Structure formats: structure tokens, C-alpha cells
Amino acid sequence: MPILNPLFEFKRKPPKREILGGGGVLIASVANFNPASLFGAGEQGVVYDLTDSTTVFQERTGAAATTPSGANGPIGTVKDLSPNNNYCIAPSDPARSTWRSAGYAQADGTDDTMVSTFTFAQPFTRVCCWRLILRAGGFNCVMDGSLTGRGEAYIDGVGPFNFKMFNSSEFVVSNAILENVDYVTTERFSGGSSSGKINNGSYVLGSLGSAPAGGIRYFAENGSGGFTQLRLYRTVAINRILTDPEIASCVTWCGAAAGLIL
């Protein structure tokens, strides 16, 4: 039997370090976070995950769609992972965006748009991960909140660009948006005020609230203007103001789709 040398000690491995995301949320927990769990009281809203190939289909037929979009294929329908089944649908074949196998939808900035129509009055919270590919001019809509143009988020200005929100009037959340950079935006529309932030930054307070009568339109303003060449990764939108820890979980989950550590 070998004799142990008393000059050597057995050393324990150092404790595993925990990497924290926004608001102290464990990055490791993002794989276990299910945004659908936020809908515990019958709230309206949606959860779209474009990293999940099983949620994107070529047909523009909502729940009846069966043909997967596949790599570089058109997106006619995106499945809603919330309990609400608010499918997001392209209004025409030319309006279909393209699904990339890296895990996002890409709009061409010409006519691509996706629409989910449902009653979505304030208050509501939206968290979304996206990337501006190329600003075309005028304003470039990320998403609009209703058929009446309330709850609109878009990009304007001269690069670096402004990220703006519009409720009863517009306000600038950030004036440092760049092309080909991924961002997570959080928007809160309370019915009495609106506010927004980029990634884990501070909230900027905006205009008074009003009550949208529709759902969500991506890549274009309601009224079919402001088309944007954009990537869309993930969205959580819910008919209540989320708590700070809930928002932190959504920010971390959405950002992870683009490889962001938030």
C-alpha cells in the first residue's frame, strides 16, 4: 500500500460560479424558464420563439398550418406558445418573411409583415429581441401594438439611430441604435404612462397611455407603412405590467436567442 506524503494535501474543487443575467437571474436557468408560465390568470398576449423550428410554417392558415418553413423558407404562420393560441400570420404570400436556421425570422424591408390580431388593451408589457439589418429611411417599424397605431416601436434618426415608442405621442428610448447589432427592448404601457428600456438599461418615461384595440404587427406600421429590414428572435407580450424579476427573466430569455448575456 503506498504511503501518502504528508506534504501534499487533497484540494477540493472551487465552488461553481454562477453567472448572473439581468436582475440577478441565473443564466443557467434560462433553459428552464417558460414564458407561458407568466400567463397564470387568463391574461391575453403572446410568446413567439423563432429559434424553435417547430413553431414556423409556410402556410398562412394559423393553427391549420402543417408545412415547416425549413431553412430559408417562407414564414406564413408563427405558433403562439402562450395559452392563448394567438398565431402570427402573414397577410399575403409576398408579405411572408424568411426563416433562418440560425433561429430567427428576417424581413426584407419591402413588404414583409406578420400580424396577430386580438384584443390587447392596456396595461401590457412587451419584451422582444431583434436586430436592425439596414435602415431604409423615414422610420423603420419594429412592431406596432394595434390597428389604431398605439404601442408602436420604431427606429428613426441618422445613425446611430433612435429607438422610439409611440403612444399618445412619441418619445426616444435610446439614440444609440446601430445596424447589425442585437438588442432586447422592454416596453411598458400602463394606461397612465408608457416607458421603455434597452437591454438592462434604465427606463425612459414616455407619453400618457391609451387603449389599443388590436394585437401586434411586426416589421411594419399598421396601415402597411414603415417596412423594416429586421431580424426577429423572440417576443413575450402580456396584458399586465410584469414585475421587475419577471421582466428580468424575459430579458434574459429573449436575449439568449441572439447569444446576449443579459
C-alpha atoms as a PDB file:
ATOM      1  CA  MET A   1       0.000   0.000   0.000  1.00  0.00           C
ATOM      2  CA  PRO A   2       1.518   3.372  -0.983  1.00  0.00           C
ATOM      3  CA  ILE A   3       2.415   5.804   1.776  1.00  0.00           C
ATOM      4  CA  LEU A   4       0.824   9.244   1.428  1.00  0.00           C
ATOM      5  CA  ASN A   5       3.232  12.145   1.504  1.00  0.00           C
ATOM      6  CA  PRO A   6       2.099  14.498   4.282  1.00  0.00           C
ATOM      7  CA  LEU A   7       3.451  17.476   2.293  1.00  0.00           C
ATOM      8  CA  PHE A   8       0.616  17.139  -0.186  1.00  0.00           C
ATOM      9  CA  GLU A   9      -2.996  17.881   0.623  1.00  0.00           C
ATOM     10  CA  PHE A  10      -6.099  16.915  -1.217  1.00  0.00           C
ATOM     11  CA  LYS A  11      -7.690  20.082  -2.506  1.00  0.00           C
ATOM     12  CA  ARG A  12     -11.371  20.451  -3.098  1.00  0.00           C
ATOM     13  CA  LYS A  13     -12.550  21.921  -6.379  1.00  0.00           C
ATOM     14  CA  PRO A  14     -13.548  25.557  -6.110  1.00  0.00           C
ATOM     15  CA  PRO A  15     -17.290  26.129  -5.894  1.00  0.00           C
ATOM     16  CA  LYS A  16     -19.068  26.510  -9.202  1.00  0.00           C
ATOM     17  CA  ARG A  17     -19.527  30.150 -10.105  1.00  0.00           C
ATOM     18  CA  GLU A  18     -22.992  31.325 -11.043  1.00  0.00           C
ATOM     19  CA  ILE A  19     -23.228  33.680 -13.988  1.00  0.00           C
ATOM     20  CA  LEU A  20     -25.935  36.246 -13.424  1.00  0.00           C
ATOM     21  CA  GLY A  21     -28.086  37.914 -16.010  1.00  0.00           C
ATOM     22  CA  GLY A  22     -30.469  40.870 -15.764  1.00  0.00           C
ATOM     23  CA  GLY A  23     -31.763  41.490 -12.253  1.00  0.00           C
ATOM     24  CA  GLY A  24     -29.687  38.646 -10.853  1.00  0.00           C
ATOM     25  CA  VAL A  25     -31.393  35.974 -12.955  1.00  0.00           C
ATOM     26  CA  LEU A  26     -29.252  32.870 -13.371  1.00  0.00           C
ATOM     27  CA  ILE A  27     -28.209  32.413 -16.986  1.00  0.00           C
ATOM     28  CA  ALA A  28     -28.276  28.664 -16.397  1.00  0.00           C
ATOM     29  CA  SER A  29     -31.965  28.965 -15.542  1.00  0.00           C
ATOM     30  CA  VAL A  30     -32.876  30.372 -18.950  1.00  0.00           C
ATOM     31  CA  ALA A  31     -33.222  26.853 -20.320  1.00  0.00           C
ATOM     32  CA  ASN A  32     -35.810  26.147 -17.626  1.00  0.00           C
ATOM     33  CA  PHE A  33     -37.701  29.426 -17.921  1.00  0.00           C
ATOM     34  CA  ASN A  34     -41.046  29.020 -19.622  1.00  0.00           C
ATOM     35  CA  PRO A  35     -42.619  32.393 -20.528  1.00  0.00           C
ATOM     36  CA  ALA A  36     -46.015  30.689 -20.806  1.00  0.00           C
ATOM     37  CA  SER A  37     -45.914  30.333 -17.016  1.00  0.00           C
ATOM     38  CA  LEU A  38     -46.418  34.118 -16.752  1.00  0.00           C
ATOM     39  CA  PHE A  39     -49.992  33.704 -18.024  1.00  0.00           C
ATOM     40  CA  GLY A  40     -51.421  32.424 -14.765  1.00  0.00           C
ATOM     41  CA  ALA A  41     -54.610  34.481 -14.572  1.00  0.00           C
ATOM     42  CA  GLY A  42     -56.012  34.283 -18.081  1.00  0.00           C
ATOM     43  CA  GLU A  43     -54.015  37.247 -19.422  1.00  0.00           C
ATOM     44  CA  GLN A  44     -54.054  37.977 -23.146  1.00  0.00           C
ATOM     45  CA  GLY A  45     -50.766  38.097 -25.037  1.00  0.00           C
ATOM     46  CA  VAL A  46     -48.281  36.007 -26.977  1.00  0.00           C
ATOM     47  CA  VAL A  47     -44.985  34.137 -26.768  1.00  0.00           C
ATOM     48  CA  TYR A  48     -43.121  33.739 -30.063  1.00  0.00           C
ATOM     49  CA  ASP A  49     -39.848  31.823 -30.257  1.00  0.00           C
ATOM     50  CA  LEU A  50     -38.307  31.953 -33.730  1.00  0.00           C
ATOM     51  CA  THR A  51     -35.385  29.802 -32.558  1.00  0.00           C
ATOM     52  CA  ASP A  52     -37.818  26.867 -32.415  1.00  0.00           C
ATOM     53  CA  SER A  53     -38.191  25.379 -35.900  1.00  0.00           C
ATOM     54  CA  THR A  54     -41.375  23.561 -34.845  1.00  0.00           C
ATOM     55  CA  THR A  55     -43.238  26.865 -34.459  1.00  0.00           C
ATOM     56  CA  VAL A  56     -42.816  28.246 -38.009  1.00  0.00           C
ATOM     57  CA  PHE A  57     -44.862  27.137 -41.010  1.00  0.00           C
ATOM     58  CA  GLN A  58     -45.152  28.091 -44.668  1.00  0.00           C
ATOM     59  CA  GLU A  59     -48.950  28.276 -44.893  1.00  0.00           C
ATOM     60  CA  ARG A  60     -50.816  31.399 -43.814  1.00  0.00           C
ATOM     61  CA  THR A  61     -53.501  29.328 -42.110  1.00  0.00           C
ATOM     62  CA  GLY A  62     -52.786  29.664 -38.396  1.00  0.00           C
ATOM     63  CA  ALA A  63     -53.488  26.505 -36.411  1.00  0.00           C
ATOM     64  CA  ALA A  64     -54.161  24.589 -39.640  1.00  0.00           C
ATOM     65  CA  ALA A  65     -50.629  25.172 -40.979  1.00  0.00           C
ATOM     66  CA  THR A  66     -48.581  21.974 -41.293  1.00  0.00           C
ATOM     67  CA  THR A  67     -45.597  22.556 -43.616  1.00  0.00           C
ATOM     68  CA  PRO A  68     -42.446  23.567 -41.712  1.00  0.00           C
ATOM     69  CA  SER A  69     -40.746  26.684 -43.025  1.00  0.00           C
ATOM     70  CA  GLY A  70     -37.349  24.981 -43.067  1.00  0.00           C
ATOM     71  CA  ALA A  71     -34.040  26.746 -43.666  1.00  0.00           C
ATOM     72  CA  ASN A  72     -34.516  29.829 -45.872  1.00  0.00           C
ATOM     73  CA  GLY A  73     -38.195  29.005 -46.279  1.00  0.00           C
ATOM     74  CA  PRO A  74     -41.118  31.462 -46.067  1.00  0.00           C
ATOM     75  CA  ILE A  75     -42.950  32.091 -42.801  1.00  0.00           C
ATOM     76  CA  GLY A  76     -46.712  32.186 -43.219  1.00  0.00           C
ATOM     77  CA  THR A  77     -47.575  31.304 -39.618  1.00  0.00           C
ATOM     78  CA  VAL A  78     -45.805  31.503 -36.268  1.00  0.00           C
ATOM     79  CA  LYS A  79     -47.253  29.440 -33.428  1.00  0.00           C
ATOM     80  CA  ASP A  80     -48.061  31.213 -30.174  1.00  0.00           C
ATOM     81  CA  LEU A  81     -46.522  29.373 -27.200  1.00  0.00           C
ATOM     82  CA  SER A  82     -48.709  31.192 -24.682  1.00  0.00           C
ATOM     83  CA  PRO A  83     -52.026  29.603 -23.627  1.00  0.00           C
ATOM     84  CA  ASN A  84     -53.868  31.998 -25.966  1.00  0.00           C
ATOM     85  CA  ASN A  85     -53.092  30.471 -29.379  1.00  0.00           C
ATOM     86  CA  ASN A  86     -52.692  33.911 -30.949  1.00  0.00           C
ATOM     87  CA  TYR A  87     -50.958  32.737 -34.107  1.00  0.00           C
ATOM     88  CA  CYS A  88     -48.982  35.362 -36.039  1.00  0.00           C
ATOM     89  CA  ILE A  89     -49.857  35.273 -39.743  1.00  0.00           C
ATOM     90  CA  ALA A  90     -48.530  36.960 -42.876  1.00  0.00           C
ATOM     91  CA  PRO A  91     -51.387  38.794 -44.645  1.00  0.00           C
ATOM     92  CA  SER A  92     -50.250  37.646 -48.117  1.00  0.00           C
ATOM     93  CA  ASP A  93     -47.702  35.333 -49.718  1.00  0.00           C
ATOM     94  CA  PRO A  94     -45.372  38.203 -50.745  1.00  0.00           C
ATOM     95  CA  ALA A  95     -45.535  39.508 -47.163  1.00  0.00           C
ATOM     96  CA  ARG A  96     -44.009  36.339 -45.736  1.00  0.00           C
ATOM     97  CA  SER A  97     -40.626  36.811 -44.055  1.00  0.00           C
ATOM     98  CA  THR A  98     -37.839  34.201 -44.236  1.00  0.00           C
ATOM     99  CA  TRP A  99     -36.847  31.732 -41.540  1.00  0.00           C
ATOM    100  CA  ARG A 100     -33.129  31.242 -40.968  1.00  0.00           C
ATOM    101  CA  SER A 101     -31.855  28.043 -39.357  1.00  0.00           C
ATOM    102  CA  ALA A 102     -29.702  30.131 -37.003  1.00  0.00           C
ATOM    103  CA  GLY A 103     -33.004  30.842 -35.261  1.00  0.00           C
ATOM    104  CA  TYR A 104     -34.744  33.990 -36.432  1.00  0.00           C
ATOM    105  CA  ALA A 105     -37.167  35.474 -38.931  1.00  0.00           C
ATOM    106  CA  GLN A 106     -35.770  38.000 -41.381  1.00  0.00           C
ATOM    107  CA  ALA A 107     -37.893  40.647 -43.077  1.00  0.00           C
ATOM    108  CA  ASP A 108     -36.888  42.198 -46.389  1.00  0.00           C
ATOM    109  CA  GLY A 109     -37.849  45.807 -45.582  1.00  0.00           C
ATOM    110  CA  THR A 110     -40.100  45.991 -48.636  1.00  0.00           C
ATOM    111  CA  ASP A 111     -43.395  44.251 -47.906  1.00  0.00           C
ATOM    112  CA  ASP A 112     -42.797  41.607 -45.218  1.00  0.00           C
ATOM    113  CA  THR A 113     -45.034  41.717 -42.166  1.00  0.00           C
ATOM    114  CA  MET A 114     -46.700  39.359 -39.672  1.00  0.00           C
ATOM    115  CA  VAL A 115     -49.906  40.128 -37.810  1.00  0.00           C
ATOM    116  CA  SER A 116     -51.583  38.734 -34.719  1.00  0.00           C
ATOM    117  CA  THR A 117     -54.996  40.277 -34.167  1.00  0.00           C
ATOM    118  CA  PHE A 118     -56.513  40.022 -30.712  1.00  0.00           C
ATOM    119  CA  THR A 119     -57.891  42.346 -28.038  1.00  0.00           C
ATOM    120  CA  PHE A 120     -54.861  43.731 -26.233  1.00  0.00           C
ATOM    121  CA  ALA A 121     -55.898  46.730 -24.146  1.00  0.00           C
ATOM    122  CA  GLN A 122     -53.520  48.349 -21.680  1.00  0.00           C
ATOM    123  CA  PRO A 123     -51.851  47.676 -19.361  1.00  0.00           C
ATOM    124  CA  PHE A 124     -49.353  45.471 -21.156  1.00  0.00           C
ATOM    125  CA  THR A 125     -45.650  44.591 -21.230  1.00  0.00           C
ATOM    126  CA  ARG A 126     -43.631  43.601 -24.303  1.00  0.00           C
ATOM    127  CA  VAL A 127     -40.093  42.198 -24.306  1.00  0.00           C
ATOM    128  CA  CYS A 128     -38.511  41.495 -27.685  1.00  0.00           C
ATOM    129  CA  CYS A 129     -35.105  40.555 -29.114  1.00  0.00           C
ATOM    130  CA  TRP A 130     -34.381  41.938 -32.595  1.00  0.00           C
ATOM    131  CA  ARG A 131     -31.699  43.283 -34.920  1.00  0.00           C
ATOM    132  CA  LEU A 132     -31.891  46.113 -37.454  1.00  0.00           C
ATOM    133  CA  ILE A 133     -30.206  44.919 -40.653  1.00  0.00           C
ATOM    134  CA  LEU A 134     -30.346  48.083 -42.729  1.00  0.00           C
ATOM    135  CA  ARG A 135     -32.245  51.280 -42.046  1.00  0.00           C
ATOM    136  CA  ALA A 136     -34.045  52.299 -45.227  1.00  0.00           C
ATOM    137  CA  GLY A 137     -35.078  55.871 -44.376  1.00  0.00           C
ATOM    138  CA  GLY A 138     -38.025  57.610 -42.767  1.00  0.00           C
ATOM    139  CA  PHE A 139     -38.904  55.395 -39.855  1.00  0.00           C
ATOM    140  CA  ASN A 140     -38.490  51.640 -39.596  1.00  0.00           C
ATOM    141  CA  CYS A 141     -41.132  49.896 -37.515  1.00  0.00           C
ATOM    142  CA  VAL A 142     -40.111  47.056 -35.177  1.00  0.00           C
ATOM    143  CA  MET A 143     -43.677  46.312 -34.119  1.00  0.00           C
ATOM    144  CA  ASP A 144     -46.962  48.085 -33.746  1.00  0.00           C
ATOM    145  CA  GLY A 145     -49.434  47.448 -30.990  1.00  0.00           C
ATOM    146  CA  SER A 146     -52.828  47.984 -32.540  1.00  0.00           C
ATOM    147  CA  LEU A 147     -54.908  48.867 -35.536  1.00  0.00           C
ATOM    148  CA  THR A 148     -55.031  52.441 -34.232  1.00  0.00           C
ATOM    149  CA  GLY A 149     -51.264  52.974 -34.142  1.00  0.00           C
ATOM    150  CA  ARG A 150     -50.823  52.843 -30.373  1.00  0.00           C
ATOM    151  CA  GLY A 151     -47.983  50.953 -28.725  1.00  0.00           C
ATOM    152  CA  GLU A 152     -45.671  51.428 -31.692  1.00  0.00           C
ATOM    153  CA  ALA A 153     -41.885  50.876 -31.531  1.00  0.00           C
ATOM    154  CA  TYR A 154     -39.679  52.014 -34.377  1.00  0.00           C
ATOM    155  CA  ILE A 155     -36.246  53.252 -35.462  1.00  0.00           C
ATOM    156  CA  ASP A 156     -35.663  56.781 -36.708  1.00  0.00           C
ATOM    157  CA  GLY A 157     -32.971  59.440 -36.984  1.00  0.00           C
ATOM    158  CA  VAL A 158     -29.494  59.410 -38.503  1.00  0.00           C
ATOM    159  CA  GLY A 159     -27.082  56.674 -37.377  1.00  0.00           C
ATOM    160  CA  PRO A 160     -26.636  55.937 -34.555  1.00  0.00           C
ATOM    161  CA  PHE A 161     -30.411  55.732 -34.763  1.00  0.00           C
ATOM    162  CA  ASN A 162     -33.181  56.484 -32.303  1.00  0.00           C
ATOM    163  CA  PHE A 163     -35.358  53.746 -30.878  1.00  0.00           C
ATOM    164  CA  LYS A 164     -38.713  55.409 -30.310  1.00  0.00           C
ATOM    165  CA  MET A 165     -42.031  54.436 -28.809  1.00  0.00           C
ATOM    166  CA  PHE A 166     -45.373  56.000 -29.657  1.00  0.00           C
ATOM    167  CA  ASN A 167     -48.460  56.025 -27.501  1.00  0.00           C
ATOM    168  CA  SER A 168     -50.316  59.322 -27.433  1.00  0.00           C
ATOM    169  CA  SER A 169     -47.056  60.910 -28.626  1.00  0.00           C
ATOM    170  CA  GLU A 170     -43.566  59.655 -29.467  1.00  0.00           C
ATOM    171  CA  PHE A 171     -40.518  59.618 -27.226  1.00  0.00           C
ATOM    172  CA  VAL A 172     -36.912  58.431 -27.586  1.00  0.00           C
ATOM    173  CA  VAL A 173     -35.848  55.408 -25.538  1.00  0.00           C
ATOM    174  CA  SER A 174     -32.314  55.281 -26.993  1.00  0.00           C
ATOM    175  CA  ASN A 175     -30.399  57.349 -29.539  1.00  0.00           C
ATOM    176  CA  ALA A 176     -27.603  54.801 -29.924  1.00  0.00           C
ATOM    177  CA  ILE A 177     -29.106  52.007 -32.053  1.00  0.00           C
ATOM    178  CA  LEU A 178     -26.717  50.532 -34.634  1.00  0.00           C
ATOM    179  CA  GLU A 179     -27.262  48.333 -37.647  1.00  0.00           C
ATOM    180  CA  ASN A 180     -26.346  44.637 -37.317  1.00  0.00           C
ATOM    181  CA  VAL A 181     -26.344  44.686 -33.505  1.00  0.00           C
ATOM    182  CA  ASP A 182     -28.793  42.623 -31.428  1.00  0.00           C
ATOM    183  CA  TYR A 183     -30.964  44.321 -28.796  1.00  0.00           C
ATOM    184  CA  VAL A 184     -33.617  43.402 -26.269  1.00  0.00           C
ATOM    185  CA  THR A 185     -36.252  46.076 -25.763  1.00  0.00           C
ATOM    186  CA  THR A 186     -38.743  46.241 -22.912  1.00  0.00           C
ATOM    187  CA  GLU A 187     -41.908  48.316 -23.271  1.00  0.00           C
ATOM    188  CA  ARG A 188     -44.469  49.008 -20.555  1.00  0.00           C
ATOM    189  CA  PHE A 189     -47.806  50.632 -21.383  1.00  0.00           C
ATOM    190  CA  SER A 190     -49.759  51.125 -18.161  1.00  0.00           C
ATOM    191  CA  GLY A 191     -52.794  53.047 -19.369  1.00  0.00           C
ATOM    192  CA  GLY A 192     -51.491  56.064 -17.455  1.00  0.00           C
ATOM    193  CA  SER A 193     -47.931  56.217 -18.781  1.00  0.00           C
ATOM    194  CA  SER A 194     -45.509  54.365 -21.019  1.00  0.00           C
ATOM    195  CA  SER A 195     -41.828  53.559 -20.571  1.00  0.00           C
ATOM    196  CA  GLY A 196     -39.109  51.611 -22.313  1.00  0.00           C
ATOM    197  CA  LYS A 197     -35.540  50.430 -21.990  1.00  0.00           C
ATOM    198  CA  ILE A 198     -32.785  48.777 -23.994  1.00  0.00           C
ATOM    199  CA  ASN A 199     -31.186  45.577 -22.644  1.00  0.00           C
ATOM    200  CA  ASN A 200     -30.520  46.100 -18.915  1.00  0.00           C
ATOM    201  CA  GLY A 201     -30.500  49.887 -19.089  1.00  0.00           C
ATOM    202  CA  SER A 202     -32.715  52.307 -17.207  1.00  0.00           C
ATOM    203  CA  TYR A 203     -36.309  53.016 -18.167  1.00  0.00           C
ATOM    204  CA  VAL A 204     -37.176  56.170 -20.064  1.00  0.00           C
ATOM    205  CA  LEU A 205     -40.602  57.560 -19.225  1.00  0.00           C
ATOM    206  CA  GLY A 206     -42.803  58.492 -22.142  1.00  0.00           C
ATOM    207  CA  SER A 207     -46.272  59.689 -23.032  1.00  0.00           C
ATOM    208  CA  LEU A 208     -49.612  59.042 -21.392  1.00  0.00           C
ATOM    209  CA  GLY A 209     -51.274  55.727 -22.055  1.00  0.00           C
ATOM    210  CA  SER A 210     -54.198  54.918 -24.297  1.00  0.00           C
ATOM    211  CA  ALA A 211     -56.013  51.698 -25.087  1.00  0.00           C
ATOM    212  CA  PRO A 212     -55.033  49.850 -28.295  1.00  0.00           C
ATOM    213  CA  ALA A 213     -57.793  47.827 -29.926  1.00  0.00           C
ATOM    214  CA  GLY A 214     -55.680  45.263 -31.739  1.00  0.00           C
ATOM    215  CA  GLY A 215     -52.791  42.864 -31.304  1.00  0.00           C
ATOM    216  CA  ILE A 216     -49.273  43.017 -32.738  1.00  0.00           C
ATOM    217  CA  ARG A 217     -47.851  43.691 -36.187  1.00  0.00           C
ATOM    218  CA  TYR A 218     -44.156  43.017 -36.838  1.00  0.00           C
ATOM    219  CA  PHE A 219     -41.807  44.682 -39.337  1.00  0.00           C
ATOM    220  CA  ALA A 220     -44.323  47.348 -40.409  1.00  0.00           C
ATOM    221  CA  GLU A 221     -46.604  50.048 -39.093  1.00  0.00           C
ATOM    222  CA  ASN A 222     -50.311  49.326 -39.024  1.00  0.00           C
ATOM    223  CA  GLY A 223     -51.511  50.827 -42.256  1.00  0.00           C
ATOM    224  CA  SER A 224     -48.717  48.975 -44.104  1.00  0.00           C
ATOM    225  CA  GLY A 225     -46.040  51.648 -43.827  1.00  0.00           C
ATOM    226  CA  GLY A 226     -42.583  51.798 -42.270  1.00  0.00           C
ATOM    227  CA  PHE A 227     -41.415  48.394 -43.502  1.00  0.00           C
ATOM    228  CA  THR A 228     -38.185  47.334 -41.832  1.00  0.00           C
ATOM    229  CA  GLN A 229     -35.315  45.020 -42.766  1.00  0.00           C
ATOM    230  CA  LEU A 230     -35.150  43.285 -39.420  1.00  0.00           C
ATOM    231  CA  ARG A 231     -34.332  40.070 -37.612  1.00  0.00           C
ATOM    232  CA  LEU A 232     -36.802  38.830 -35.012  1.00  0.00           C
ATOM    233  CA  TYR A 233     -35.735  36.259 -32.417  1.00  0.00           C
ATOM    234  CA  ARG A 234     -38.196  36.108 -29.505  1.00  0.00           C
ATOM    235  CA  THR A 235     -41.107  38.069 -28.061  1.00  0.00           C
ATOM    236  CA  VAL A 236     -43.091  37.957 -24.838  1.00  0.00           C
ATOM    237  CA  ALA A 237     -46.151  40.235 -24.697  1.00  0.00           C
ATOM    238  CA  ILE A 238     -48.686  40.049 -21.880  1.00  0.00           C
ATOM    239  CA  ASN A 239     -51.755  42.000 -20.804  1.00  0.00           C
ATOM    240  CA  ARG A 240     -50.327  43.209 -17.464  1.00  0.00           C
ATOM    241  CA  ILE A 241     -47.320  45.073 -16.141  1.00  0.00           C
ATOM    242  CA  LEU A 242     -44.766  42.414 -15.273  1.00  0.00           C
ATOM    243  CA  THR A 243     -42.765  42.650 -12.070  1.00  0.00           C
ATOM    244  CA  ASP A 244     -39.077  43.538 -12.280  1.00  0.00           C
ATOM    245  CA  PRO A 245     -37.976  39.910 -11.654  1.00  0.00           C
ATOM    246  CA  GLU A 246     -40.408  38.687 -14.321  1.00  0.00           C
ATOM    247  CA  ILE A 247     -39.087  41.248 -16.788  1.00  0.00           C
ATOM    248  CA  ALA A 248     -35.508  40.257 -15.938  1.00  0.00           C
ATOM    249  CA  SER A 249     -36.341  36.631 -16.755  1.00  0.00           C
ATOM    250  CA  CYS A 250     -37.932  37.638 -20.058  1.00  0.00           C
ATOM    251  CA  VAL A 251     -34.975  39.868 -20.978  1.00  0.00           C
ATOM    252  CA  THR A 252     -32.527  37.057 -20.247  1.00  0.00           C
ATOM    253  CA  TRP A 253     -34.628  34.506 -22.173  1.00  0.00           C
ATOM    254  CA  CYS A 254     -35.138  36.741 -25.196  1.00  0.00           C
ATOM    255  CA  GLY A 255     -31.506  37.856 -25.319  1.00  0.00           C
ATOM    256  CA  ALA A 256     -30.189  34.294 -25.102  1.00  0.00           C
ATOM    257  CA  ALA A 257     -31.737  33.648 -28.524  1.00  0.00           C
ATOM    258  CA  ALA A 258     -29.147  36.019 -30.017  1.00  0.00           C
ATOM    259  CA  GLY A 259     -26.329  34.947 -27.712  1.00  0.00           C
ATOM    260  CA  LEU A 260     -26.677  38.009 -25.449  1.00  0.00           C
ATOM    261  CA  ILE A 261     -25.784  37.625 -21.774  1.00  0.00           C
ATOM    262  CA  LEU A 262     -28.326  39.861 -20.030  1.00  0.00           C
END
